[in-house]
C-alpha atoms as a PDB file:
ATOM      1  CA  MET A   1       0.008   0.117  -0.144  1.00  0.00           C
ATOM      2  CA  PHE A   2       2.848   2.572   0.790  1.00  0.00           C
ATOM      3  CA  PHE A   3       4.400   2.090  -3.204  1.00  0.00           C
ATOM      4  CA  LEU A   4       0.818   2.820  -3.993  1.00  0.00           C
ATOM      5  CA  THR A   5       0.202   5.785  -2.283  1.00  0.00           C
ATOM      6  CA  SER A   6       3.772   7.020  -3.198  1.00  0.00           C
ATOM      7  CA  MET A   7       2.716   6.628  -6.637  1.00  0.00           C
ATOM      8  CA  TRP A   8       0.415   8.478  -6.021  1.00  0.00           C
ATOM      9  CA  ILE A   9       2.052  11.691  -4.524  1.00  0.00           C
ATOM     10  CA  LYS A  10       4.498  11.503  -6.828  1.00  0.00           C
ATOM     11  CA  ILE A  11       1.797  12.192 -10.091  1.00  0.00           C
ATOM     12  CA  VAL A  12      -0.428  14.597  -7.643  1.00  0.00           C
ATOM     13  CA  TYR A  13       3.824  16.337  -7.715  1.00  0.00           C
ATOM     14  CA  HIS A  14       3.963  16.585 -11.150  1.00  0.00           C
ATOM     15  CA  ILE A  15       0.351  17.419 -12.004  1.00  0.00           C
ATOM     16  CA  VAL A  16       0.825  20.567  -9.248  1.00  0.00           C
ATOM     17  CA  PHE A  17       3.993  21.741 -10.329  1.00  0.00           C
ATOM     18  CA  GLY A  18       3.586  20.701 -14.424  1.00  0.00           C
ATOM     19  CA  ILE A  19       0.467  23.730 -13.431  1.00  0.00           C
ATOM     20  CA  ILE A  20       2.475  26.298 -11.483  1.00  0.00           C
ATOM     21  CA  SER A  21       5.175  25.964 -14.288  1.00  0.00           C
ATOM     22  CA  ILE A  22       2.632  26.730 -17.247  1.00  0.00           C
ATOM     23  CA  LYS A  23       1.245  29.840 -15.212  1.00  0.00           C
ATOM     24  CA  LYS A  24       5.118  31.181 -14.974  1.00  0.00           C
ATOM     25  CA  ALA A  25       5.246  30.732 -18.370  1.00  0.00           C
ATOM     26  CA  ILE A  26       2.788  32.575 -19.187  1.00  0.00           C
ATOM     27  CA  VAL A  27       3.258  35.284 -16.862  1.00  0.00           C
ATOM     28  CA  ASN A  28       7.412  35.630 -17.478  1.00  0.00           C
ATOM     29  CA  LYS A  29       6.199  35.540 -21.716  1.00  0.00           C
ATOM     30  CA  GLY A  30       9.083  33.236 -22.222  1.00  0.00           C
ATOM     31  CA  PRO A  31      11.348  30.703 -20.839  1.00  0.00           C
ATOM     32  CA  THR A  32      10.574  29.037 -17.344  1.00  0.00           C
ATOM     33  CA  CYS A  33      13.726  28.626 -15.776  1.00  0.00           C
ATOM     34  CA  ASP A  34      15.747  31.191 -14.123  1.00  0.00           C
ATOM     35  CA  ASN A  35      19.453  31.249 -15.238  1.00  0.00           C
ATOM     36  CA  ASN A  36      19.686  27.464 -14.635  1.00  0.00           C
ATOM     37  CA  GLU A  37      22.310  25.758 -16.418  1.00  0.00           C
ATOM     38  CA  MET A  38      20.620  22.249 -15.136  1.00  0.00           C
ATOM     39  CA  CYS A  39      17.251  23.288 -15.827  1.00  0.00           C
ATOM     40  CA  TYR A  40      18.218  24.019 -20.176  1.00  0.00           C
ATOM     41  CA  GLU A  41      19.749  21.109 -19.905  1.00  0.00           C
ATOM     42  CA  PHE A  42      16.429  18.450 -19.021  1.00  0.00           C
ATOM     43  CA  CYS A  43      14.041  21.430 -19.733  1.00  0.00           C
ATOM     44  CA  ILE A  44      12.335  20.778 -23.254  1.00  0.00           C
ATOM     45  CA  GLY A  45      11.799  23.679 -25.271  1.00  0.00           C
ATOM     46  CA  CYS A  46      12.437  26.324 -23.157  1.00  0.00           C
ATOM     47  CA  ASP A  47      13.553  28.420 -24.753  1.00  0.00           C
ATOM     48  CA  ASN A  48      10.795  28.406 -26.893  1.00  0.00           C
ATOM     49  CA  ILE A  49       7.150  29.122 -25.117  1.00  0.00           C
ATOM     50  CA  ILE A  50       5.181  28.084 -28.562  1.00  0.00           C
ATOM     51  CA  ILE A  51       6.764  24.586 -27.470  1.00  0.00           C
ATOM     52  CA  TYR A  52       7.109  24.558 -23.868  1.00  0.00           C
ATOM     53  CA  ILE A  53       3.185  25.634 -22.851  1.00  0.00           C
ATOM     54  CA  PRO A  54       1.683  21.927 -25.423  1.00  0.00           C
ATOM     55  CA  THR A  55       4.677  19.407 -23.873  1.00  0.00           C
ATOM     56  CA  VAL A  56       3.517  20.170 -20.853  1.00  0.00           C
ATOM     57  CA  ILE A  57      -0.576  20.056 -21.296  1.00  0.00           C
ATOM     58  CA  ILE A  58       0.886  16.432 -22.917  1.00  0.00           C
ATOM     59  CA  SER A  59       2.681  15.763 -19.752  1.00  0.00           C
ATOM     60  CA  LEU A  60      -0.641  17.295 -17.465  1.00  0.00           C
ATOM     61  CA  SER A  61      -2.737  14.751 -19.930  1.00  0.00           C
ATOM     62  CA  VAL A  62      -0.403  11.768 -19.376  1.00  0.00           C
ATOM     63  CA  CYS A  63      -0.471  12.653 -15.705  1.00  0.00           C
ATOM     64  CA  PHE A  64      -4.230  12.687 -15.547  1.00  0.00           C
ATOM     65  CA  PHE A  65      -4.785   9.859 -17.008  1.00  0.00           C
ATOM     66  CA  PHE A  66      -2.424   7.700 -14.572  1.00  0.00           C
ATOM     67  CA  LEU A  67      -3.824   9.670 -11.689  1.00  0.00           C
ATOM     68  CA  MET A  68      -7.290   7.829 -12.473  1.00  0.00           C
ATOM     69  CA  MET A  69      -5.751   5.177 -13.218  1.00  0.00           C
ATOM     70  CA  SER A  70      -3.534   4.838  -9.624  1.00  0.00           C
ATOM     71  CA  SER A  71      -6.280   6.679  -7.726  1.00  0.00           C
ATOM     72  CA  LEU A  72      -9.006   3.459  -8.978  1.00  0.00           C
ATOM     73  CA  LEU A  73      -6.217   0.670  -7.915  1.00  0.00           C
ATOM     74  CA  LEU A  74      -5.270   2.525  -4.503  1.00  0.00           C
ATOM     75  CA  TYR A  75      -9.050   3.627  -3.523  1.00  0.00           C
ATOM     76  CA  THR A  76      -9.703  -0.758  -4.115  1.00  0.00           C
ATOM     77  CA  HIS A  77      -6.169  -1.601  -2.523  1.00  0.00           C
ATOM     78  CA  ILE A  78      -7.295   0.289   0.958  1.00  0.00           C
ATOM     79  CA  LYS A  79     -11.361  -0.725   0.379  1.00  0.00           C
ATOM     80  CA  ASN A  80     -10.183  -4.437   0.431  1.00  0.00           C
ATOM     81  CA  TYR A  81      -7.240  -3.846   2.754  1.00  0.00           C
ATOM     82  CA  LEU A  82      -9.652  -2.942   6.049  1.00  0.00           C
ATOM     83  CA  ALA A  83     -12.348  -5.320   4.664  1.00  0.00           C
ATOM     84  CA  ASN A  84      -9.836  -7.334   5.854  1.00  0.00           C
ATOM     85  CA  ARG A  85      -9.574  -9.615   2.277  1.00  0.00           C
ATOM     86  CA  THR A  86      -8.592 -10.178  -0.904  1.00  0.00           C
ATOM     87  CA  THR A  87     -10.948  -8.500  -4.330  1.00  0.00           C
ATOM     88  CA  ASN A  88     -11.575 -12.204  -5.602  1.00  0.00           C
ATOM     89  CA  GLU A  89     -13.128 -12.838  -1.677  1.00  0.00           C
ATOM     90  CA  ARG A  90     -14.980  -9.864  -1.739  1.00  0.00           C
ATOM     91  CA  LEU A  91     -16.066  -9.978  -4.696  1.00  0.00           C
ATOM     92  CA  SER A  92     -16.946 -13.953  -4.206  1.00  0.00           C
ATOM     93  CA  SER A  93     -19.031 -12.980  -1.237  1.00  0.00           C
ATOM     94  CA  ASN A  94     -21.437 -11.213  -3.142  1.00  0.00           C
ATOM     95  CA  LYS A  95     -22.026 -13.509  -5.282  1.00  0.00           C
ATOM     96  CA  LYS A  96     -22.270 -16.158  -3.193  1.00  0.00           C
ATOM     97  CA  GLY A  97     -25.147 -13.872  -0.951  1.00  0.00           C
ATOM     98  CA  SER A  98     -27.361 -13.022  -4.178  1.00  0.00           C
ATOM     99  CA  LYS A  99     -27.761 -17.006  -6.340  1.00  0.00           C
ATOM    100  CA  ASN A 100     -28.568 -17.700  -2.394  1.00  0.00           C
ATOM    101  CA  ARG A 101     -31.321 -14.945  -3.083  1.00  0.00           C
ATOM    102  CA  LEU A 102     -32.557 -16.214  -6.165  1.00  0.00           C
ATOM    103  CA  LYS A 103     -32.344 -19.839  -5.105  1.00  0.00           C
ATOM    104  CA  LYS A 104     -35.095 -18.400  -2.212  1.00  0.00           C
ATOM    105  CA  SER A 105     -37.997 -16.426  -4.550  1.00  0.00           C
END
C-alpha cells in the first residue's frame, strides 16, 4: 500500500508543478528557467514558449490519465485492506449472496 500511495503522491506532485510551470511561463512570457544551467539542460523547449506549453500540456494529460488509474487502484486496495479481504474474496462473497437470494424466490 505504501508503494501505491507514494506513486499517487508523486503523480499529484508532477501535476501541481506542471500547472505552476505553465502559469510561470505565461506570466513571464518566456523561459521558465531562472538562469539555471541544469534546468536548461533537461528542459524541452524552455526558450520557445510555443513548444514548451504544448509539451507540458501533453505531459499533464498523461499525468491525469495515470492519476485516474492509480486512484482507482488505491481506492480498491484501501477498500480491501479495511475489509481484511482480497478483491477475489470480496467479490465472490457478493456473488454467493445473490445466488442464495435467487434460489429462495
